[in-house]
Amino acid sequence: MNAAWSERIDYAGACLDCVDIFKITLRALDVLTVQLAVPATGDFRVLVLDASYAQVAKSDVRAWGAWEFLSVEVLKAGVYYVIVDWAGVGGQGNNEGWYTLGALVST
């Protein structure tokens, strides 16, 4: 995709062809809510990592082509990473994957 726009979240790169990374700075006790719309041929996951790359939260994947939803309250201010993992994408017409990512920060 190589594109993201928001006042708070920035595209930070990709790892090979199956993970996109978004960077966001949060204050202590901010609540980050992430929603991900995916195609019927995609098996996607959303993870939130802290600045040391430790996992803070991970979405549950129940089925292909469903909305992923993740909400997490961070305890420490700092940089966090939202990881969109689409390693399981398959199917005709979707060999590169697509998705729509939405993020909301509330205090």
PDB file of N, CA and C in Angstrom:
ATOM      1  N   MET A   1       0.833  -1.189   0.000  1.00  0.00           N
ATOM      2  CA  MET A   1       0.000   0.000   0.000  1.00  0.00           C
ATOM      3  C   MET A   1       0.876   1.250   0.000  1.00  0.00           C
ATOM      4  N   ASN A   2       1.834   1.315   0.901  1.00  0.00           N
ATOM      5  CA  ASN A   2       2.738   2.459   0.996  1.00  0.00           C
ATOM      6  C   ASN A   2       2.032   3.786   1.130  1.00  0.00           C
ATOM      7  N   ALA A   3       0.883   3.815   1.766  1.00  0.00           N
ATOM      8  CA  ALA A   3       0.177   5.081   1.942  1.00  0.00           C
ATOM      9  C   ALA A   3      -0.663   5.051   3.202  1.00  0.00           C
ATOM     10  N   ALA A   4      -0.587   6.112   3.948  1.00  0.00           N
ATOM     11  CA  ALA A   4      -1.460   6.291   5.111  1.00  0.00           C
ATOM     12  C   ALA A   4      -1.485   7.776   5.414  1.00  0.00           C
ATOM     13  N   TRP A   5      -2.618   8.277   5.842  1.00  0.00           N
ATOM     14  CA  TRP A   5      -2.682   9.678   6.226  1.00  0.00           C
ATOM     15  C   TRP A   5      -3.505   9.801   7.481  1.00  0.00           C
ATOM     16  N   SER A   6      -3.010  10.572   8.384  1.00  0.00           N
ATOM     17  CA  SER A   6      -3.717  10.886   9.608  1.00  0.00           C
ATOM     18  C   SER A   6      -2.912  11.943  10.325  1.00  0.00           C
ATOM     19  N   GLU A   7      -3.542  12.621  11.247  1.00  0.00           N
ATOM     20  CA  GLU A   7      -2.803  13.567  12.070  1.00  0.00           C
ATOM     21  C   GLU A   7      -1.957  12.843  13.105  1.00  0.00           C
ATOM     22  N   ARG A   8      -2.247  11.573  13.385  1.00  0.00           N
ATOM     23  CA  ARG A   8      -1.565  10.874  14.466  1.00  0.00           C
ATOM     24  C   ARG A   8      -0.811   9.623  14.038  1.00  0.00           C
ATOM     25  N   ILE A   9      -1.153   9.020  12.910  1.00  0.00           N
ATOM     26  CA  ILE A   9      -0.548   7.743  12.526  1.00  0.00           C
ATOM     27  C   ILE A   9       0.150   7.898  11.181  1.00  0.00           C
ATOM     28  N   ASP A  10       1.362   7.358  11.087  1.00  0.00           N
ATOM     29  CA  ASP A  10       2.170   7.483   9.877  1.00  0.00           C
ATOM     30  C   ASP A  10       2.610   6.107   9.405  1.00  0.00           C
ATOM     31  N   TYR A  11       2.660   5.959   8.086  1.00  0.00           N
ATOM     32  CA  TYR A  11       3.193   4.732   7.509  1.00  0.00           C
ATOM     33  C   TYR A  11       4.681   4.677   7.813  1.00  0.00           C
ATOM     34  N   ALA A  12       5.163   3.566   8.340  1.00  0.00           N
ATOM     35  CA  ALA A  12       6.560   3.477   8.764  1.00  0.00           C
ATOM     36  C   ALA A  12       7.343   2.413   8.018  1.00  0.00           C
ATOM     37  N   GLY A  13       6.730   1.730   7.072  1.00  0.00           N
ATOM     38  CA  GLY A  13       7.466   0.757   6.294  1.00  0.00           C
ATOM     39  C   GLY A  13       6.793  -0.591   6.232  1.00  0.00           C
ATOM     40  N   ALA A  14       7.490  -1.494   5.564  1.00  0.00           N
ATOM     41  CA  ALA A  14       6.964  -2.840   5.382  1.00  0.00           C
ATOM     42  C   ALA A  14       8.084  -3.846   5.563  1.00  0.00           C
ATOM     43  N   CYS A  15       7.705  -5.050   5.895  1.00  0.00           N
ATOM     44  CA  CYS A  15       8.643  -6.150   6.034  1.00  0.00           C
ATOM     45  C   CYS A  15       8.302  -7.165   4.951  1.00  0.00           C
ATOM     46  N   LEU A  16       9.165  -7.274   3.986  1.00  0.00           N
ATOM     47  CA  LEU A  16       8.914  -8.122   2.816  1.00  0.00           C
ATOM     48  C   LEU A  16       7.624  -7.661   2.147  1.00  0.00           C
ATOM     49  N   ASP A  17       6.730  -8.579   1.835  1.00  0.00           N
ATOM     50  CA  ASP A  17       5.497  -8.178   1.159  1.00  0.00           C
ATOM     51  C   ASP A  17       4.250  -8.551   1.938  1.00  0.00           C
ATOM     52  N   CYS A  18       4.388  -8.781   3.250  1.00  0.00           N
ATOM     53  CA  CYS A  18       3.213  -9.276   3.958  1.00  0.00           C
ATOM     54  C   CYS A  18       2.917  -8.553   5.266  1.00  0.00           C
ATOM     55  N   VAL A  19       3.654  -7.512   5.603  1.00  0.00           N
ATOM     56  CA  VAL A  19       3.408  -6.770   6.829  1.00  0.00           C
ATOM     57  C   VAL A  19       3.588  -5.281   6.556  1.00  0.00           C
ATOM     58  N   ASP A  20       2.611  -4.484   6.951  1.00  0.00           N
ATOM     59  CA  ASP A  20       2.738  -3.036   6.895  1.00  0.00           C
ATOM     60  C   ASP A  20       2.812  -2.511   8.320  1.00  0.00           C
ATOM     61  N   ILE A  21       3.632  -1.469   8.526  1.00  0.00           N
ATOM     62  CA  ILE A  21       3.881  -0.940   9.860  1.00  0.00           C
ATOM     63  C   ILE A  21       3.492   0.533   9.905  1.00  0.00           C
ATOM     64  N   PHE A  22       2.707   0.893  10.904  1.00  0.00           N
ATOM     65  CA  PHE A  22       2.295   2.272  11.115  1.00  0.00           C
ATOM     66  C   PHE A  22       2.768   2.717  12.489  1.00  0.00           C
ATOM     67  N   LYS A  23       3.272   3.929  12.570  1.00  0.00           N
ATOM     68  CA  LYS A  23       3.839   4.467  13.809  1.00  0.00           C
ATOM     69  C   LYS A  23       2.900   5.533  14.367  1.00  0.00           C
ATOM     70  N   ILE A  24       2.715   5.498  15.692  1.00  0.00           N
ATOM     71  CA  ILE A  24       1.849   6.474  16.343  1.00  0.00           C
ATOM     72  C   ILE A  24       2.431   6.806  17.719  1.00  0.00           C
ATOM     73  N   THR A  25       2.344   8.065  18.106  1.00  0.00           N
ATOM     74  CA  THR A  25       2.787   8.499  19.429  1.00  0.00           C
ATOM     75  C   THR A  25       1.560   8.688  20.309  1.00  0.00           C
ATOM     76  N   LEU A  26       1.579   8.034  21.464  1.00  0.00           N
ATOM     77  CA  LEU A  26       0.434   8.067  22.373  1.00  0.00           C
ATOM     78  C   LEU A  26       0.849   8.596  23.733  1.00  0.00           C
ATOM     79  N   ARG A  27      -0.112   9.183  24.428  1.00  0.00           N
ATOM     80  CA  ARG A  27       0.102   9.622  25.808  1.00  0.00           C
ATOM     81  C   ARG A  27      -0.335   8.510  26.754  1.00  0.00           C
ATOM     82  N   ALA A  28       0.141   8.570  27.973  1.00  0.00           N
ATOM     83  CA  ALA A  28      -0.284   7.591  28.973  1.00  0.00           C
ATOM     84  C   ALA A  28      -1.800   7.620  29.111  1.00  0.00           C
ATOM     85  N   LEU A  29      -2.404   6.457  29.156  1.00  0.00           N
ATOM     86  CA  LEU A  29      -3.843   6.235  29.301  1.00  0.00           C
ATOM     87  C   LEU A  29      -4.656   6.579  28.057  1.00  0.00           C
ATOM     88  N   ASP A  30      -4.007   6.860  26.920  1.00  0.00           N
ATOM     89  CA  ASP A  30      -4.728   6.965  25.658  1.00  0.00           C
ATOM     90  C   ASP A  30      -5.303   5.596  25.311  1.00  0.00           C
ATOM     91  N   VAL A  31      -6.445   5.605  24.658  1.00  0.00           N
ATOM     92  CA  VAL A  31      -7.047   4.371  24.164  1.00  0.00           C
ATOM     93  C   VAL A  31      -6.955   4.399  22.640  1.00  0.00           C
ATOM     94  N   LEU A  32      -6.251   3.435  22.093  1.00  0.00           N
ATOM     95  CA  LEU A  32      -6.111   3.297  20.652  1.00  0.00           C
ATOM     96  C   LEU A  32      -7.094   2.241  20.181  1.00  0.00           C
ATOM     97  N   THR A  33      -7.984   2.629  19.275  1.00  0.00           N
ATOM     98  CA  THR A  33      -8.943   1.701  18.691  1.00  0.00           C
ATOM     99  C   THR A  33      -8.628   1.590  17.207  1.00  0.00           C
ATOM    100  N   VAL A  34      -8.430   0.365  16.746  1.00  0.00           N
ATOM    101  CA  VAL A  34      -8.069   0.105  15.356  1.00  0.00           C
ATOM    102  C   VAL A  34      -9.124  -0.803  14.747  1.00  0.00           C
ATOM    103  N   GLN A  35      -9.574  -0.439  13.536  1.00  0.00           N
ATOM    104  CA  GLN A  35     -10.492  -1.285  12.781  1.00  0.00           C
ATOM    105  C   GLN A  35      -9.867  -1.549  11.424  1.00  0.00           C
ATOM    106  N   LEU A  36     -10.047  -2.749  10.931  1.00  0.00           N
ATOM    107  CA  LEU A  36      -9.440  -3.159   9.673  1.00  0.00           C
ATOM    108  C   LEU A  36     -10.476  -3.889   8.837  1.00  0.00           C
ATOM    109  N   ALA A  37     -10.788  -3.338   7.667  1.00  0.00           N
ATOM    110  CA  ALA A  37     -11.677  -4.011   6.716  1.00  0.00           C
ATOM    111  C   ALA A  37     -10.799  -4.774   5.739  1.00  0.00           C
ATOM    112  N   VAL A  38     -11.136  -6.033   5.506  1.00  0.00           N
ATOM    113  CA  VAL A  38     -10.314  -6.874   4.650  1.00  0.00           C
ATOM    114  C   VAL A  38     -11.182  -7.595   3.624  1.00  0.00           C
ATOM    115  N   PRO A  39     -10.580  -8.028   2.514  1.00  0.00           N
ATOM    116  CA  PRO A  39     -11.341  -8.742   1.490  1.00  0.00           C
ATOM    117  C   PRO A  39     -11.663 -10.173   1.911  1.00  0.00           C
ATOM    118  N   ALA A  40     -12.569 -10.781   1.163  1.00  0.00           N
ATOM    119  CA  ALA A  40     -12.978 -12.158   1.469  1.00  0.00           C
ATOM    120  C   ALA A  40     -11.845 -13.150   1.283  1.00  0.00           C
ATOM    121  N   THR A  41     -10.806 -12.774   0.549  1.00  0.00           N
ATOM    122  CA  THR A  41      -9.694 -13.690   0.311  1.00  0.00           C
ATOM    123  C   THR A  41      -8.523 -13.422   1.238  1.00  0.00           C
ATOM    124  N   GLY A  42      -8.750 -12.634   2.290  1.00  0.00           N
ATOM    125  CA  GLY A  42      -7.624 -12.267   3.142  1.00  0.00           C
ATOM    126  C   GLY A  42      -7.731 -12.773   4.561  1.00  0.00           C
ATOM    127  N   ASP A  43      -6.619 -13.212   5.090  1.00  0.00           N
ATOM    128  CA  ASP A  43      -6.506 -13.621   6.488  1.00  0.00           C
ATOM    129  C   ASP A  43      -5.559 -12.617   7.140  1.00  0.00           C
ATOM    130  N   PHE A  44      -6.108 -11.575   7.743  1.00  0.00           N
ATOM    131  CA  PHE A  44      -5.329 -10.462   8.265  1.00  0.00           C
ATOM    132  C   PHE A  44      -5.311 -10.478   9.793  1.00  0.00           C
ATOM    133  N   ARG A  45      -4.273  -9.871  10.365  1.00  0.00           N
ATOM    134  CA  ARG A  45      -4.183  -9.673  11.811  1.00  0.00           C
ATOM    135  C   ARG A  45      -3.705  -8.246  12.076  1.00  0.00           C
ATOM    136  N   VAL A  46      -4.084  -7.718  13.206  1.00  0.00           N
ATOM    137  CA  VAL A  46      -3.610  -6.407  13.643  1.00  0.00           C
ATOM    138  C   VAL A  46      -2.916  -6.601  14.989  1.00  0.00           C
ATOM    139  N   LEU A  47      -1.722  -6.033  15.117  1.00  0.00           N
ATOM    140  CA  LEU A  47      -0.978  -6.089  16.369  1.00  0.00           C
ATOM    141  C   LEU A  47      -0.587  -4.673  16.765  1.00  0.00           C
ATOM    142  N   VAL A  48      -0.430  -4.452  18.053  1.00  0.00           N
ATOM    143  CA  VAL A  48       0.121  -3.204  18.565  1.00  0.00           C
ATOM    144  C   VAL A  48       1.372  -3.572  19.353  1.00  0.00           C
ATOM    145  N   LEU A  49       2.483  -2.927  19.006  1.00  0.00           N
ATOM    146  CA  LEU A  49       3.750  -3.138  19.679  1.00  0.00           C
ATOM    147  C   LEU A  49       4.198  -1.843  20.330  1.00  0.00           C
ATOM    148  N   ASP A  50       4.975  -1.954  21.414  1.00  0.00           N
ATOM    149  CA  ASP A  50       5.532  -0.747  22.024  1.00  0.00           C
ATOM    150  C   ASP A  50       6.868  -0.410  21.356  1.00  0.00           C
ATOM    151  N   ALA A  51       7.549   0.615  21.849  1.00  0.00           N
ATOM    152  CA  ALA A  51       8.788   1.084  21.228  1.00  0.00           C
ATOM    153  C   ALA A  51       9.894   0.036  21.253  1.00  0.00           C
ATOM    154  N   SER A  52       9.830  -0.913  22.183  1.00  0.00           N
ATOM    155  CA  SER A  52      10.832  -1.977  22.237  1.00  0.00           C
ATOM    156  C   SER A  52      10.377  -3.206  21.438  1.00  0.00           C
ATOM    157  N   TYR A  53       9.301  -3.067  20.684  1.00  0.00           N
ATOM    158  CA  TYR A  53       8.733  -4.110  19.827  1.00  0.00           C
ATOM    159  C   TYR A  53       8.111  -5.266  20.611  1.00  0.00           C
ATOM    160  N   ALA A  54       7.764  -5.018  21.868  1.00  0.00           N
ATOM    161  CA  ALA A  54       7.030  -6.015  22.650  1.00  0.00           C
ATOM    162  C   ALA A  54       5.544  -5.905  22.297  1.00  0.00           C
ATOM    163  N   GLN A  55       4.876  -7.042  22.171  1.00  0.00           N
ATOM    164  CA  GLN A  55       3.457  -7.041  21.818  1.00  0.00           C
ATOM    165  C   GLN A  55       2.613  -6.503  22.963  1.00  0.00           C
ATOM    166  N   VAL A  56       1.765  -5.525  22.648  1.00  0.00           N
ATOM    167  CA  VAL A  56       0.850  -4.930  23.618  1.00  0.00           C
ATOM    168  C   VAL A  56      -0.541  -5.530  23.450  1.00  0.00           C
ATOM    169  N   ALA A  57      -0.935  -5.773  22.194  1.00  0.00           N
ATOM    170  CA  ALA A  57      -2.262  -6.327  21.908  1.00  0.00           C
ATOM    171  C   ALA A  57      -2.254  -6.977  20.531  1.00  0.00           C
ATOM    172  N   LYS A  58      -3.208  -7.910  20.324  1.00  0.00           N
ATOM    173  CA  LYS A  58      -3.335  -8.616  19.050  1.00  0.00           C
ATOM    174  C   LYS A  58      -4.805  -8.895  18.799  1.00  0.00           C
ATOM    175  N   SER A  59      -5.235  -8.704  17.559  1.00  0.00           N
ATOM    176  CA  SER A  59      -6.639  -8.964  17.238  1.00  0.00           C
ATOM    177  C   SER A  59      -6.888 -10.464  17.124  1.00  0.00           C
ATOM    178  N   ASP A  60      -8.152 -10.845  17.302  1.00  0.00           N
ATOM    179  CA  ASP A  60      -8.580 -12.218  17.086  1.00  0.00           C
ATOM    180  C   ASP A  60      -9.011 -12.370  15.644  1.00  0.00           C
ATOM    181  N   VAL A  61      -8.521 -13.393  14.994  1.00  0.00           N
ATOM    182  CA  VAL A  61      -8.915 -13.664  13.613  1.00  0.00           C
ATOM    183  C   VAL A  61      -9.907 -14.818  13.651  1.00  0.00           C
ATOM    184  N   ARG A  62     -11.128 -14.548  13.261  1.00  0.00           N
ATOM    185  CA  ARG A  62     -12.164 -15.584  13.293  1.00  0.00           C
ATOM    186  C   ARG A  62     -12.486 -16.112  11.898  1.00  0.00           C
ATOM    187  N   ALA A  63     -12.394 -15.253  10.890  1.00  0.00           N
ATOM    188  CA  ALA A  63     -12.744 -15.677   9.540  1.00  0.00           C
ATOM    189  C   ALA A  63     -12.129 -14.722   8.531  1.00  0.00           C
ATOM    190  N   TRP A  64     -12.021 -15.184   7.333  1.00  0.00           N
ATOM    191  CA  TRP A  64     -11.530 -14.325   6.256  1.00  0.00           C
ATOM    192  C   TRP A  64     -12.619 -13.337   5.871  1.00  0.00           C
ATOM    193  N   GLY A  65     -12.209 -12.162   5.469  1.00  0.00           N
ATOM    194  CA  GLY A  65     -13.147 -11.179   4.946  1.00  0.00           C
ATOM    195  C   GLY A  65     -13.995 -10.511   6.002  1.00  0.00           C
ATOM    196  N   ALA A  66     -13.549 -10.482   7.237  1.00  0.00           N
ATOM    197  CA  ALA A  66     -14.319  -9.866   8.314  1.00  0.00           C
ATOM    198  C   ALA A  66     -13.598  -8.624   8.820  1.00  0.00           C
ATOM    199  N   TRP A  67     -14.346  -7.757   9.484  1.00  0.00           N
ATOM    200  CA  TRP A  67     -13.725  -6.611  10.145  1.00  0.00           C
ATOM    201  C   TRP A  67     -12.913  -7.112  11.322  1.00  0.00           C
ATOM    202  N   GLU A  68     -11.696  -6.640  11.411  1.00  0.00           N
ATOM    203  CA  GLU A  68     -10.874  -6.871  12.592  1.00  0.00           C
ATOM    204  C   GLU A  68     -11.057  -5.664  13.494  1.00  0.00           C
ATOM    205  N   PHE A  69     -11.091  -5.880  14.790  1.00  0.00           N
ATOM    206  CA  PHE A  69     -11.285  -4.792  15.740  1.00  0.00           C
ATOM    207  C   PHE A  69     -10.347  -5.009  16.914  1.00  0.00           C
ATOM    208  N   LEU A  70      -9.689  -3.939  17.332  1.00  0.00           N
ATOM    209  CA  LEU A  70      -8.760  -4.024  18.448  1.00  0.00           C
ATOM    210  C   LEU A  70      -8.790  -2.703  19.196  1.00  0.00           C
ATOM    211  N   SER A  71      -8.911  -2.777  20.508  1.00  0.00           N
ATOM    212  CA  SER A  71      -8.892  -1.576  21.340  1.00  0.00           C
ATOM    213  C   SER A  71      -7.968  -1.841  22.523  1.00  0.00           C
ATOM    214  N   VAL A  72      -7.060  -0.894  22.773  1.00  0.00           N
ATOM    215  CA  VAL A  72      -6.094  -1.089  23.847  1.00  0.00           C
ATOM    216  C   VAL A  72      -5.803   0.247  24.526  1.00  0.00           C
ATOM    217  N   GLU A  73      -5.755   0.224  25.856  1.00  0.00           N
ATOM    218  CA  GLU A  73      -5.361   1.405  26.624  1.00  0.00           C
ATOM    219  C   GLU A  73      -3.878   1.260  26.951  1.00  0.00           C
ATOM    220  N   VAL A  74      -3.086   2.261  26.569  1.00  0.00           N
ATOM    221  CA  VAL A  74      -1.648   2.194  26.840  1.00  0.00           C
ATOM    222  C   VAL A  74      -1.357   2.833  28.186  1.00  0.00           C
ATOM    223  N   LEU A  75      -0.449   2.250  28.915  1.00  0.00           N
ATOM    224  CA  LEU A  75      -0.139   2.736  30.255  1.00  0.00           C
ATOM    225  C   LEU A  75       0.999   3.748  30.267  1.00  0.00           C
ATOM    226  N   LYS A  76       1.871   3.668  29.256  1.00  0.00           N
ATOM    227  CA  LYS A  76       3.018   4.567  29.197  1.00  0.00           C
ATOM    228  C   LYS A  76       2.978   5.401  27.928  1.00  0.00           C
ATOM    229  N   ALA A  77       3.356   6.671  28.043  1.00  0.00           N
ATOM    230  CA  ALA A  77       3.465   7.533  26.871  1.00  0.00           C
ATOM    231  C   ALA A  77       4.639   7.062  26.020  1.00  0.00           C
ATOM    232  N   GLY A  78       4.525   7.239  24.714  1.00  0.00           N
ATOM    233  CA  GLY A  78       5.640   6.893  23.839  1.00  0.00           C
ATOM    234  C   GLY A  78       5.198   6.519  22.450  1.00  0.00           C
ATOM    235  N   VAL A  79       6.132   5.976  21.704  1.00  0.00           N
ATOM    236  CA  VAL A  79       5.890   5.535  20.334  1.00  0.00           C
ATOM    237  C   VAL A  79       5.352   4.108  20.361  1.00  0.00           C
ATOM    238  N   TYR A  80       4.344   3.864  19.547  1.00  0.00           N
ATOM    239  CA  TYR A  80       3.765   2.533  19.388  1.00  0.00           C
ATOM    240  C   TYR A  80       3.675   2.229  17.897  1.00  0.00           C
ATOM    241  N   TYR A  81       3.590   0.945  17.583  1.00  0.00           N
ATOM    242  CA  TYR A  81       3.506   0.508  16.190  1.00  0.00           C
ATOM    243  C   TYR A  81       2.253  -0.331  15.997  1.00  0.00           C
ATOM    244  N   VAL A  82       1.491   0.012  14.973  1.00  0.00           N
ATOM    245  CA  VAL A  82       0.338  -0.786  14.559  1.00  0.00           C
ATOM    246  C   VAL A  82       0.817  -1.626  13.378  1.00  0.00           C
ATOM    247  N   ILE A  83       0.735  -2.925  13.530  1.00  0.00           N
ATOM    248  CA  ILE A  83       1.204  -3.850  12.512  1.00  0.00           C
ATOM    249  C   ILE A  83      -0.005  -4.479  11.829  1.00  0.00           C
ATOM    250  N   VAL A  84      -0.062  -4.368  10.508  1.00  0.00           N
ATOM    251  CA  VAL A  84      -1.091  -5.053   9.726  1.00  0.00           C
ATOM    252  C   VAL A  84      -0.393  -6.229   9.052  1.00  0.00           C
ATOM    253  N   ASP A  85      -0.705  -7.431   9.522  1.00  0.00           N
ATOM    254  CA  ASP A  85      -0.084  -8.658   9.034  1.00  0.00           C
ATOM    255  C   ASP A  85      -1.053  -9.329   8.069  1.00  0.00           C
ATOM    256  N   TRP A  86      -0.684  -9.344   6.811  1.00  0.00           N
ATOM    257  CA  TRP A  86      -1.547  -9.986   5.816  1.00  0.00           C
ATOM    258  C   TRP A  86      -0.819 -11.125   5.119  1.00  0.00           C
ATOM    259  N   ALA A  87      -0.100 -11.908   5.895  1.00  0.00           N
ATOM    260  CA  ALA A  87       0.675 -13.021   5.353  1.00  0.00           C
ATOM    261  C   ALA A  87      -0.207 -14.132   4.791  1.00  0.00           C
ATOM    262  N   GLY A  88      -1.429 -14.254   5.267  1.00  0.00           N
ATOM    263  CA  GLY A  88      -2.296 -15.344   4.826  1.00  0.00           C
ATOM    264  C   GLY A  88      -3.188 -15.011   3.651  1.00  0.00           C
ATOM    265  N   VAL A  89      -2.913 -13.905   2.960  1.00  0.00           N
ATOM    266  CA  VAL A  89      -3.772 -13.507   1.848  1.00  0.00           C
ATOM    267  C   VAL A  89      -3.596 -14.469   0.690  1.00  0.00           C
ATOM    268  N   GLY A  90      -4.702 -14.870   0.106  1.00  0.00           N
ATOM    269  CA  GLY A  90      -4.655 -15.756  -1.051  1.00  0.00           C
ATOM    270  C   GLY A  90      -5.885 -15.566  -1.898  1.00  0.00           C
ATOM    271  N   GLY A  91      -5.978 -16.299  -2.953  1.00  0.00           N
ATOM    272  CA  GLY A  91      -7.160 -16.258  -3.797  1.00  0.00           C
ATOM    273  C   GLY A  91      -6.952 -15.456  -5.055  1.00  0.00           C
ATOM    274  N   GLN A  92      -7.671 -15.824  -6.077  1.00  0.00           N
ATOM    275  CA  GLN A  92      -7.563 -15.170  -7.377  1.00  0.00           C
ATOM    276  C   GLN A  92      -7.972 -13.704  -7.281  1.00  0.00           C
ATOM    277  N   GLY A  93      -7.188 -12.837  -7.884  1.00  0.00           N
ATOM    278  CA  GLY A  93      -7.515 -11.420  -7.905  1.00  0.00           C
ATOM    279  C   GLY A  93      -7.076 -10.665  -6.672  1.00  0.00           C
ATOM    280  N   ASN A  94      -6.471 -11.335  -5.719  1.00  0.00           N
ATOM    281  CA  ASN A  94      -6.033 -10.632  -4.510  1.00  0.00           C
ATOM    282  C   ASN A  94      -4.669 -11.148  -4.048  1.00  0.00           C
ATOM    283  N   ASN A  95      -3.768 -11.358  -4.989  1.00  0.00           N
ATOM    284  CA  ASN A  95      -2.471 -11.897  -4.606  1.00  0.00           C
ATOM    285  C   ASN A  95      -1.565 -10.850  -3.966  1.00  0.00           C
ATOM    286  N   GLU A  96      -1.924  -9.572  -4.019  1.00  0.00           N
ATOM    287  CA  GLU A  96      -1.136  -8.547  -3.365  1.00  0.00           C
ATOM    288  C   GLU A  96      -1.797  -8.035  -2.095  1.00  0.00           C
ATOM    289  N   GLY A  97      -3.059  -8.303  -1.923  1.00  0.00           N
ATOM    290  CA  GLY A  97      -3.759  -7.886  -0.705  1.00  0.00           C
ATOM    291  C   GLY A  97      -4.180  -6.431  -0.734  1.00  0.00           C
ATOM    292  N   TRP A  98      -5.263  -6.132  -0.069  1.00  0.00           N
ATOM    293  CA  TRP A  98      -5.715  -4.762   0.157  1.00  0.00           C
ATOM    294  C   TRP A  98      -6.479  -4.759   1.456  1.00  0.00           C
ATOM    295  N   TYR A  99      -6.570  -3.589   2.040  1.00  0.00           N
ATOM    296  CA  TYR A  99      -7.335  -3.438   3.270  1.00  0.00           C
ATOM    297  C   TYR A  99      -7.583  -1.966   3.511  1.00  0.00           C
ATOM    298  N   THR A 100      -8.512  -1.692   4.406  1.00  0.00           N
ATOM    299  CA  THR A 100      -8.768  -0.328   4.858  1.00  0.00           C
ATOM    300  C   THR A 100      -8.546  -0.301   6.359  1.00  0.00           C
ATOM    301  N   LEU A 101      -7.650   0.569   6.805  1.00  0.00           N
ATOM    302  CA  LEU A 101      -7.307   0.664   8.217  1.00  0.00           C
ATOM    303  C   LEU A 101      -7.837   1.972   8.778  1.00  0.00           C
ATOM    304  N   GLY A 102      -8.528   1.889   9.907  1.00  0.00           N
ATOM    305  CA  GLY A 102      -9.003   3.072  10.606  1.00  0.00           C
ATOM    306  C   GLY A 102      -8.479   3.056  12.023  1.00  0.00           C
ATOM    307  N   ALA A 103      -8.028   4.219  12.510  1.00  0.00           N
ATOM    308  CA  ALA A 103      -7.512   4.303  13.872  1.00  0.00           C
ATOM    309  C   ALA A 103      -8.105   5.516  14.567  1.00  0.00           C
ATOM    310  N   LEU A 104      -8.469   5.345  15.818  1.00  0.00           N
ATOM    311  CA  LEU A 104      -9.035   6.406  16.629  1.00  0.00           C
ATOM    312  C   LEU A 104      -8.313   6.426  17.970  1.00  0.00           C
ATOM    313  N   VAL A 105      -7.912   7.618  18.390  1.00  0.00           N
ATOM    314  CA  VAL A 105      -7.258   7.763  19.696  1.00  0.00           C
ATOM    315  C   VAL A 105      -8.168   8.604  20.578  1.00  0.00           C
ATOM    316  N   SER A 106      -8.481   8.080  21.756  1.00  0.00           N
ATOM    317  CA  SER A 106      -9.280   8.831  22.719  1.00  0.00           C
ATOM    318  C   SER A 106      -8.564   8.828  24.055  1.00  0.00           C
ATOM    319  N   THR A 107      -8.900   9.824  24.874  1.00  0.00           N
ATOM    320  CA  THR A 107      -8.248   9.926  26.184  1.00  0.00           C
ATOM    321  C   THR A 107      -9.232   9.652  27.283  1.00  0.00           C
TER     322      THR A 107
END
